[in-house]
C-alpha cells in the first residue's frame, strides 16, 4: 500500500491584515514543515477512509474529511471517473492545533492519487485542486518551505533554511480558528502583510531565530484570549535556556521552540515531559520536503 508522510506545518511568522469586504484576511506567512506528522496510505478498494492513531477519534464525519474532499475535487478536475480507493490515515497530529494537519493529509492524498492512478496530471493542476480546499492547501501539498500571501494561495520561494531543531508543544485543548479570528477582529491589531526583507539564504539556526524575532504571529494575543493554556506553554518555553525562539503556530494551539541543536531539543523535551506529562510534546526538525 503506497504511503506518504503528511508533515506538520509550522508558521515561522504569520502577519495578518484587516479583513476585506468579503470577510477574508490577507496574510503573509513563512511556512516550514516538520519531519513528523500523519501518514496517509491508499490502495484500490471500496471508497473508504479508515483512521487510527491517537487523534483519530477527534476527526469529523467522513464526508467532511479533507482527504475525501480532496478526492472529489481531484476527480472533478480530472473530468472522468476513477476506480474507488481505500485510504488509511494514521492520525498522529492533534486536531485543531495550528499544524495544518487536515490540509497536509489532503496534500499527501492528492500526491498519492496522482502518482499511483493519474501520473500525467501536472503539478499546476494538482496545486489548483489543493488550493480549492482551504488557505493552507497549496502550501501543504508540497511540504516545503514557502512564503504564502493573499489568502494563502499565492506562494513564492522561501529563503534557504538550515534544518531547524525544534520542539512542538500542545497543552491539549483544540482551538477554534473562527473563534481566534473573531477575537483578532475585536482586538483590531492588524498587521502589515508586505513580505519583510529576507536574505536569499540563512547560514545558521541562530541567524534564523534572530531574524524571526523581528517578526510575529499576529494571531498570538487572540489565540491566548481564546485558550489561555497557549499562554502558559509560551511562557514556559520562553523561560527555558535552550530556546532561541518560541511562538504559536497558525491560530493555535501548538507552540514551537527552536533550539540550537538536537541535544538542546532533547534536554528541553525531557525537562518539559517531567514538568507537564499531560502536554503533547514532540521533537522534530523544521524544513522540508521530507520525502
Foldseek 3Di string as FASTA:
>chain_A
DDKDFLWFKFFLFKAWFDADPVGAIKIKTWIWTWPHFKMKDKDQDDQEEAEDEDARVVDDDPCPQLLNLLVVLVCVLVVHDDGHMYMYMHGHDHPQAQRCRRLSNNLRSLVVCCVPPNVPDDPVSSLVSQVVSALCRNVSNFRFTWIATTSNSDTDDDAAEDWWWKKKKFLDDRFDPVQLVVLLVVVVPHGDHDDDDDDNHDDANLRVLVVSVVHAHSSQVSLCVRPVVQVVVQVVLVPDPQFSDKHGHGNRDMIMGTGRDNVSLVVVQVVVCVVRVSMDMDITIIGDDDD
